[in-house]
Amino acid sequence: MGEKSLNEKRFLTVSEVSGILRLSVLTIYKYIKEGKISAFDFGGHYRISDSSLEDFIQHHKVFRKEAQNE
């Protein structure tokens, strides 16, 4: 499957991403500044594509190691 076309992409505001992740708006701005979340800058108004948010979430997935029987 290929990349979504521009018409199929959904762009979220920093506030929307903040609500989805249940993190503060300032934290989302910090993540954008640090390059942890990719964003588009439209004259100081950031927008985050749904695919960038999904990449960020997948990158922070934690895998639990199963306890080994002794």
PDB file of N, CA and C in Angstrom:
ATOM      1  N   MET A   1       0.839  -1.182   0.000  1.00  0.00           N
ATOM      2  CA  MET A   1       0.000   0.000   0.000  1.00  0.00           C
ATOM      3  C   MET A   1       0.877   1.236   0.000  1.00  0.00           C
ATOM      4  N   GLY A   2       0.451   2.240  -0.713  1.00  0.00           N
ATOM      5  CA  GLY A   2       1.252   3.443  -0.844  1.00  0.00           C
ATOM      6  C   GLY A   2       0.916   4.490   0.191  1.00  0.00           C
ATOM      7  N   GLU A   3       1.595   5.587   0.067  1.00  0.00           N
ATOM      8  CA  GLU A   3       1.383   6.753   0.936  1.00  0.00           C
ATOM      9  C   GLU A   3      -0.002   7.333   0.674  1.00  0.00           C
ATOM     10  N   LYS A   4      -0.653   7.834   1.705  1.00  0.00           N
ATOM     11  CA  LYS A   4      -1.965   8.466   1.538  1.00  0.00           C
ATOM     12  C   LYS A   4      -1.808   9.738   0.719  1.00  0.00           C
ATOM     13  N   SER A   5      -2.798  10.008  -0.118  1.00  0.00           N
ATOM     14  CA  SER A   5      -2.772  11.263  -0.865  1.00  0.00           C
ATOM     15  C   SER A   5      -3.123  12.401   0.097  1.00  0.00           C
ATOM     16  N   LEU A   6      -2.825  13.614  -0.309  1.00  0.00           N
ATOM     17  CA  LEU A   6      -3.076  14.778   0.535  1.00  0.00           C
ATOM     18  C   LEU A   6      -4.557  14.879   0.910  1.00  0.00           C
ATOM     19  N   ASN A   7      -5.440  14.483   0.002  1.00  0.00           N
ATOM     20  CA  ASN A   7      -6.879  14.537   0.287  1.00  0.00           C
ATOM     21  C   ASN A   7      -7.300  13.527   1.349  1.00  0.00           C
ATOM     22  N   GLU A   8      -6.529  12.446   1.515  1.00  0.00           N
ATOM     23  CA  GLU A   8      -6.874  11.396   2.470  1.00  0.00           C
ATOM     24  C   GLU A   8      -6.253  11.632   3.837  1.00  0.00           C
ATOM     25  N   LYS A   9      -5.248  12.511   3.918  1.00  0.00           N
ATOM     26  CA  LYS A   9      -4.579  12.770   5.191  1.00  0.00           C
ATOM     27  C   LYS A   9      -5.446  13.628   6.085  1.00  0.00           C
ATOM     28  N   ARG A  10      -5.334  13.370   7.361  1.00  0.00           N
ATOM     29  CA  ARG A  10      -6.033  14.182   8.346  1.00  0.00           C
ATOM     30  C   ARG A  10      -4.967  14.917   9.141  1.00  0.00           C
ATOM     31  N   PHE A  11      -5.138  16.220   9.322  1.00  0.00           N
ATOM     32  CA  PHE A  11      -4.182  17.023  10.058  1.00  0.00           C
ATOM     33  C   PHE A  11      -4.808  17.465  11.373  1.00  0.00           C
ATOM     34  N   LEU A  12      -4.060  17.286  12.450  1.00  0.00           N
ATOM     35  CA  LEU A  12      -4.535  17.579  13.795  1.00  0.00           C
ATOM     36  C   LEU A  12      -3.809  18.785  14.367  1.00  0.00           C
ATOM     37  N   THR A  13      -4.493  19.535  15.205  1.00  0.00           N
ATOM     38  CA  THR A  13      -3.859  20.647  15.905  1.00  0.00           C
ATOM     39  C   THR A  13      -3.076  20.106  17.100  1.00  0.00           C
ATOM     40  N   VAL A  14      -2.218  20.950  17.651  1.00  0.00           N
ATOM     41  CA  VAL A  14      -1.469  20.574  18.855  1.00  0.00           C
ATOM     42  C   VAL A  14      -2.437  20.255  19.989  1.00  0.00           C
ATOM     43  N   SER A  15      -3.491  21.022  20.092  1.00  0.00           N
ATOM     44  CA  SER A  15      -4.492  20.799  21.136  1.00  0.00           C
ATOM     45  C   SER A  15      -5.184  19.449  20.965  1.00  0.00           C
ATOM     46  N   GLU A  16      -5.511  19.094  19.734  1.00  0.00           N
ATOM     47  CA  GLU A  16      -6.152  17.793  19.480  1.00  0.00           C
ATOM     48  C   GLU A  16      -5.219  16.643  19.839  1.00  0.00           C
ATOM     49  N   VAL A  17      -3.950  16.756  19.450  1.00  0.00           N
ATOM     50  CA  VAL A  17      -2.975  15.714  19.776  1.00  0.00           C
ATOM     51  C   VAL A  17      -2.790  15.627  21.285  1.00  0.00           C
ATOM     52  N   SER A  18      -2.765  16.767  21.935  1.00  0.00           N
ATOM     53  CA  SER A  18      -2.664  16.814  23.392  1.00  0.00           C
ATOM     54  C   SER A  18      -3.804  16.020  24.036  1.00  0.00           C
ATOM     55  N   GLY A  19      -5.010  16.207  23.536  1.00  0.00           N
ATOM     56  CA  GLY A  19      -6.162  15.489  24.071  1.00  0.00           C
ATOM     57  C   GLY A  19      -6.102  14.000  23.788  1.00  0.00           C
ATOM     58  N   ILE A  20      -5.672  13.634  22.587  1.00  0.00           N
ATOM     59  CA  ILE A  20      -5.576  12.217  22.222  1.00  0.00           C
ATOM     60  C   ILE A  20      -4.570  11.497  23.106  1.00  0.00           C
ATOM     61  N   LEU A  21      -3.397  12.112  23.307  1.00  0.00           N
ATOM     62  CA  LEU A  21      -2.334  11.475  24.091  1.00  0.00           C
ATOM     63  C   LEU A  21      -2.456  11.729  25.585  1.00  0.00           C
ATOM     64  N   ARG A  22      -3.364  12.633  25.943  1.00  0.00           N
ATOM     65  CA  ARG A  22      -3.552  13.021  27.346  1.00  0.00           C
ATOM     66  C   ARG A  22      -2.246  13.554  27.945  1.00  0.00           C
ATOM     67  N   LEU A  23      -1.604  14.420  27.153  1.00  0.00           N
ATOM     68  CA  LEU A  23      -0.394  15.131  27.561  1.00  0.00           C
ATOM     69  C   LEU A  23      -0.681  16.620  27.435  1.00  0.00           C
ATOM     70  N   SER A  24       0.115  17.440  28.103  1.00  0.00           N
ATOM     71  CA  SER A  24      -0.105  18.884  28.027  1.00  0.00           C
ATOM     72  C   SER A  24       0.276  19.412  26.647  1.00  0.00           C
ATOM     73  N   VAL A  25      -0.326  20.536  26.299  1.00  0.00           N
ATOM     74  CA  VAL A  25      -0.006  21.210  25.044  1.00  0.00           C
ATOM     75  C   VAL A  25       1.477  21.564  25.013  1.00  0.00           C
ATOM     76  N   LEU A  26       2.015  22.014  26.135  1.00  0.00           N
ATOM     77  CA  LEU A  26       3.445  22.368  26.194  1.00  0.00           C
ATOM     78  C   LEU A  26       4.334  21.164  25.902  1.00  0.00           C
ATOM     79  N   THR A  27       3.931  19.989  26.358  1.00  0.00           N
ATOM     80  CA  THR A  27       4.701  18.773  26.084  1.00  0.00           C
ATOM     81  C   THR A  27       4.696  18.468  24.594  1.00  0.00           C
ATOM     82  N   ILE A  28       3.557  18.642  23.940  1.00  0.00           N
ATOM     83  CA  ILE A  28       3.482  18.390  22.499  1.00  0.00           C
ATOM     84  C   ILE A  28       4.373  19.379  21.752  1.00  0.00           C
ATOM     85  N   TYR A  29       4.339  20.657  22.132  1.00  0.00           N
ATOM     86  CA  TYR A  29       5.243  21.640  21.511  1.00  0.00           C
ATOM     87  C   TYR A  29       6.706  21.249  21.722  1.00  0.00           C
ATOM     88  N   LYS A  30       7.033  20.773  22.909  1.00  0.00           N
ATOM     89  CA  LYS A  30       8.402  20.333  23.212  1.00  0.00           C
ATOM     90  C   LYS A  30       8.793  19.162  22.306  1.00  0.00           C
ATOM     91  N   TYR A  31       7.905  18.196  22.148  1.00  0.00           N
ATOM     92  CA  TYR A  31       8.184  17.051  21.281  1.00  0.00           C
ATOM     93  C   TYR A  31       8.386  17.485  19.832  1.00  0.00           C
ATOM     94  N   ILE A  32       7.619  18.470  19.382  1.00  0.00           N
ATOM     95  CA  ILE A  32       7.797  18.985  18.017  1.00  0.00           C
ATOM     96  C   ILE A  32       9.163  19.642  17.895  1.00  0.00           C
ATOM     97  N   LYS A  33       9.517  20.497  18.863  1.00  0.00           N
ATOM     98  CA  LYS A  33      10.810  21.196  18.836  1.00  0.00           C
ATOM     99  C   LYS A  33      11.976  20.212  18.847  1.00  0.00           C
ATOM    100  N   GLU A  34      11.830  19.125  19.607  1.00  0.00           N
ATOM    101  CA  GLU A  34      12.887  18.109  19.714  1.00  0.00           C
ATOM    102  C   GLU A  34      12.887  17.132  18.540  1.00  0.00           C
ATOM    103  N   GLY A  35      11.888  17.237  17.659  1.00  0.00           N
ATOM    104  CA  GLY A  35      11.817  16.339  16.507  1.00  0.00           C
ATOM    105  C   GLY A  35      11.238  14.975  16.833  1.00  0.00           C
ATOM    106  N   LYS A  36      10.617  14.827  17.980  1.00  0.00           N
ATOM    107  CA  LYS A  36      10.028  13.544  18.363  1.00  0.00           C
ATOM    108  C   LYS A  36       8.706  13.304  17.644  1.00  0.00           C
ATOM    109  N   ILE A  37       7.988  14.384  17.342  1.00  0.00           N
ATOM    110  CA  ILE A  37       6.762  14.311  16.540  1.00  0.00           C
ATOM    111  C   ILE A  37       6.963  15.210  15.328  1.00  0.00           C
ATOM    112  N   SER A  38       6.738  14.661  14.148  1.00  0.00           N
ATOM    113  CA  SER A  38       6.836  15.460  12.921  1.00  0.00           C
ATOM    114  C   SER A  38       5.606  16.333  12.790  1.00  0.00           C
ATOM    115  N   ALA A  39       5.824  17.587  12.429  1.00  0.00           N
ATOM    116  CA  ALA A  39       4.712  18.519  12.291  1.00  0.00           C
ATOM    117  C   ALA A  39       4.969  19.452  11.109  1.00  0.00           C
ATOM    118  N   PHE A  40       3.902  20.046  10.631  1.00  0.00           N
ATOM    119  CA  PHE A  40       3.971  21.050   9.581  1.00  0.00           C
ATOM    120  C   PHE A  40       3.736  22.409  10.228  1.00  0.00           C
ATOM    121  N   ASP A  41       4.532  23.398   9.824  1.00  0.00           N
ATOM    122  CA  ASP A  41       4.423  24.738  10.389  1.00  0.00           C
ATOM    123  C   ASP A  41       3.784  25.658   9.360  1.00  0.00           C
ATOM    124  N   PHE A  42       2.581  26.125   9.677  1.00  0.00           N
ATOM    125  CA  PHE A  42       1.877  27.067   8.822  1.00  0.00           C
ATOM    126  C   PHE A  42       1.847  28.404   9.532  1.00  0.00           C
ATOM    127  N   GLY A  43       2.934  29.156   9.421  1.00  0.00           N
ATOM    128  CA  GLY A  43       3.013  30.475  10.039  1.00  0.00           C
ATOM    129  C   GLY A  43       2.868  30.442  11.550  1.00  0.00           C
ATOM    130  N   GLY A  44       3.519  29.498  12.193  1.00  0.00           N
ATOM    131  CA  GLY A  44       3.459  29.392  13.650  1.00  0.00           C
ATOM    132  C   GLY A  44       2.317  28.525  14.157  1.00  0.00           C
ATOM    133  N   HIS A  45       1.501  28.024  13.258  1.00  0.00           N
ATOM    134  CA  HIS A  45       0.408  27.123  13.620  1.00  0.00           C
ATOM    135  C   HIS A  45       0.810  25.722  13.171  1.00  0.00           C
ATOM    136  N   TYR A  46       1.071  24.862  14.127  1.00  0.00           N
ATOM    137  CA  TYR A  46       1.514  23.515  13.798  1.00  0.00           C
ATOM    138  C   TYR A  46       0.340  22.596  13.528  1.00  0.00           C
ATOM    139  N   ARG A  47       0.540  21.699  12.566  1.00  0.00           N
ATOM    140  CA  ARG A  47      -0.413  20.639  12.272  1.00  0.00           C
ATOM    141  C   ARG A  47       0.360  19.333  12.194  1.00  0.00           C
ATOM    142  N   ILE A  48      -0.229  18.299  12.753  1.00  0.00           N
ATOM    143  CA  ILE A  48       0.397  16.984  12.818  1.00  0.00           C
ATOM    144  C   ILE A  48      -0.484  16.020  12.043  1.00  0.00           C
ATOM    145  N   SER A  49       0.106  15.329  11.076  1.00  0.00           N
ATOM    146  CA  SER A  49      -0.691  14.382  10.289  1.00  0.00           C
ATOM    147  C   SER A  49      -1.007  13.160  11.147  1.00  0.00           C
ATOM    148  N   ASP A  50      -2.117  12.513  10.811  1.00  0.00           N
ATOM    149  CA  ASP A  50      -2.495  11.319  11.557  1.00  0.00           C
ATOM    150  C   ASP A  50      -1.422  10.235  11.443  1.00  0.00           C
ATOM    151  N   SER A  51      -0.747  10.166  10.297  1.00  0.00           N
ATOM    152  CA  SER A  51       0.304   9.161  10.133  1.00  0.00           C
ATOM    153  C   SER A  51       1.528   9.493  10.998  1.00  0.00           C
ATOM    154  N   SER A  52       1.855  10.773  11.171  1.00  0.00           N
ATOM    155  CA  SER A  52       2.961  11.158  12.058  1.00  0.00           C
ATOM    156  C   SER A  52       2.637  10.816  13.508  1.00  0.00           C
ATOM    157  N   LEU A  53       1.386  11.034  13.894  1.00  0.00           N
ATOM    158  CA  LEU A  53       0.973  10.689  15.254  1.00  0.00           C
ATOM    159  C   LEU A  53       1.054   9.183  15.459  1.00  0.00           C
ATOM    160  N   GLU A  54       0.598   8.412  14.481  1.00  0.00           N
ATOM    161  CA  GLU A  54       0.662   6.942  14.581  1.00  0.00           C
ATOM    162  C   GLU A  54       2.109   6.475  14.683  1.00  0.00           C
ATOM    163  N   ASP A  55       3.017   7.063  13.895  1.00  0.00           N
ATOM    164  CA  ASP A  55       4.443   6.717  13.974  1.00  0.00           C
ATOM    165  C   ASP A  55       4.990   7.008  15.368  1.00  0.00           C
ATOM    166  N   PHE A  56       4.641   8.153  15.923  1.00  0.00           N
ATOM    167  CA  PHE A  56       5.095   8.528  17.262  1.00  0.00           C
ATOM    168  C   PHE A  56       4.602   7.512  18.291  1.00  0.00           C
ATOM    169  N   ILE A  57       3.343   7.144  18.202  1.00  0.00           N
ATOM    170  CA  ILE A  57       2.772   6.186  19.150  1.00  0.00           C
ATOM    171  C   ILE A  57       3.468   4.835  19.024  1.00  0.00           C
ATOM    172  N   GLN A  58       3.647   4.345  17.802  1.00  0.00           N
ATOM    173  CA  GLN A  58       4.292   3.049  17.601  1.00  0.00           C
ATOM    174  C   GLN A  58       5.742   3.054  18.089  1.00  0.00           C
ATOM    175  N   HIS A  59       6.420   4.177  17.912  1.00  0.00           N
ATOM    176  CA  HIS A  59       7.819   4.288  18.342  1.00  0.00           C
ATOM    177  C   HIS A  59       7.953   4.206  19.860  1.00  0.00           C
ATOM    178  N   HIS A  60       6.898   4.557  20.570  1.00  0.00           N
ATOM    179  CA  HIS A  60       6.944   4.565  22.033  1.00  0.00           C
ATOM    180  C   HIS A  60       6.258   3.360  22.669  1.00  0.00           C
ATOM    181  N   LYS A  61       6.009   2.364  21.861  1.00  0.00           N
ATOM    182  CA  LYS A  61       5.390   1.137  22.359  1.00  0.00           C
ATOM    183  C   LYS A  61       6.380   0.411  23.264  1.00  0.00           C
ATOM    184  N   VAL A  62       5.885  -0.079  24.385  1.00  0.00           N
ATOM    185  CA  VAL A  62       6.722  -0.791  25.348  1.00  0.00           C
ATOM    186  C   VAL A  62       6.369  -2.263  25.280  1.00  0.00           C
ATOM    187  N   PHE A  63       7.395  -3.096  25.153  1.00  0.00           N
ATOM    188  CA  PHE A  63       7.189  -4.537  25.124  1.00  0.00           C
ATOM    189  C   PHE A  63       7.616  -5.124  26.460  1.00  0.00           C
ATOM    190  N   ARG A  64       6.737  -5.893  27.045  1.00  0.00           N
ATOM    191  CA  ARG A  64       7.016  -6.515  28.331  1.00  0.00           C
ATOM    192  C   ARG A  64       7.663  -7.863  28.090  1.00  0.00           C
ATOM    193  N   LYS A  65       8.763  -8.114  28.786  1.00  0.00           N
ATOM    194  CA  LYS A  65       9.419  -9.403  28.690  1.00  0.00           C
ATOM    195  C   LYS A  65       8.662 -10.407  29.552  1.00  0.00           C
ATOM    196  N   GLU A  66       8.467 -11.600  29.004  1.00  0.00           N
ATOM    197  CA  GLU A  66       7.806 -12.658  29.769  1.00  0.00           C
ATOM    198  C   GLU A  66       8.792 -13.243  30.771  1.00  0.00           C
ATOM    199  N   ALA A  67       8.302 -13.519  31.967  1.00  0.00           N
ATOM    200  CA  ALA A  67       9.136 -14.127  32.997  1.00  0.00           C
ATOM    201  C   ALA A  67       9.479 -15.555  32.565  1.00  0.00           C
ATOM    202  N   GLN A  68      10.732 -15.904  32.701  1.00  0.00           N
ATOM    203  CA  GLN A  68      11.170 -17.251  32.341  1.00  0.00           C
ATOM    204  C   GLN A  68      11.060 -18.169  33.549  1.00  0.00           C
ATOM    205  N   ASN A  69      10.618 -19.383  33.295  1.00  0.00           N
ATOM    206  CA  ASN A  69      10.541 -20.379  34.366  1.00  0.00           C
ATOM    207  C   ASN A  69      11.933 -20.849  34.719  1.00  0.00           C
ATOM    208  N   GLU A  70      12.207 -20.974  36.011  1.00  0.00           N
ATOM    209  CA  GLU A  70      13.550 -21.414  36.436  1.00  0.00           C
ATOM    210  C   GLU A  70      13.538 -22.871  36.768  1.00  0.00           C
TER     211      GLU A  70
END
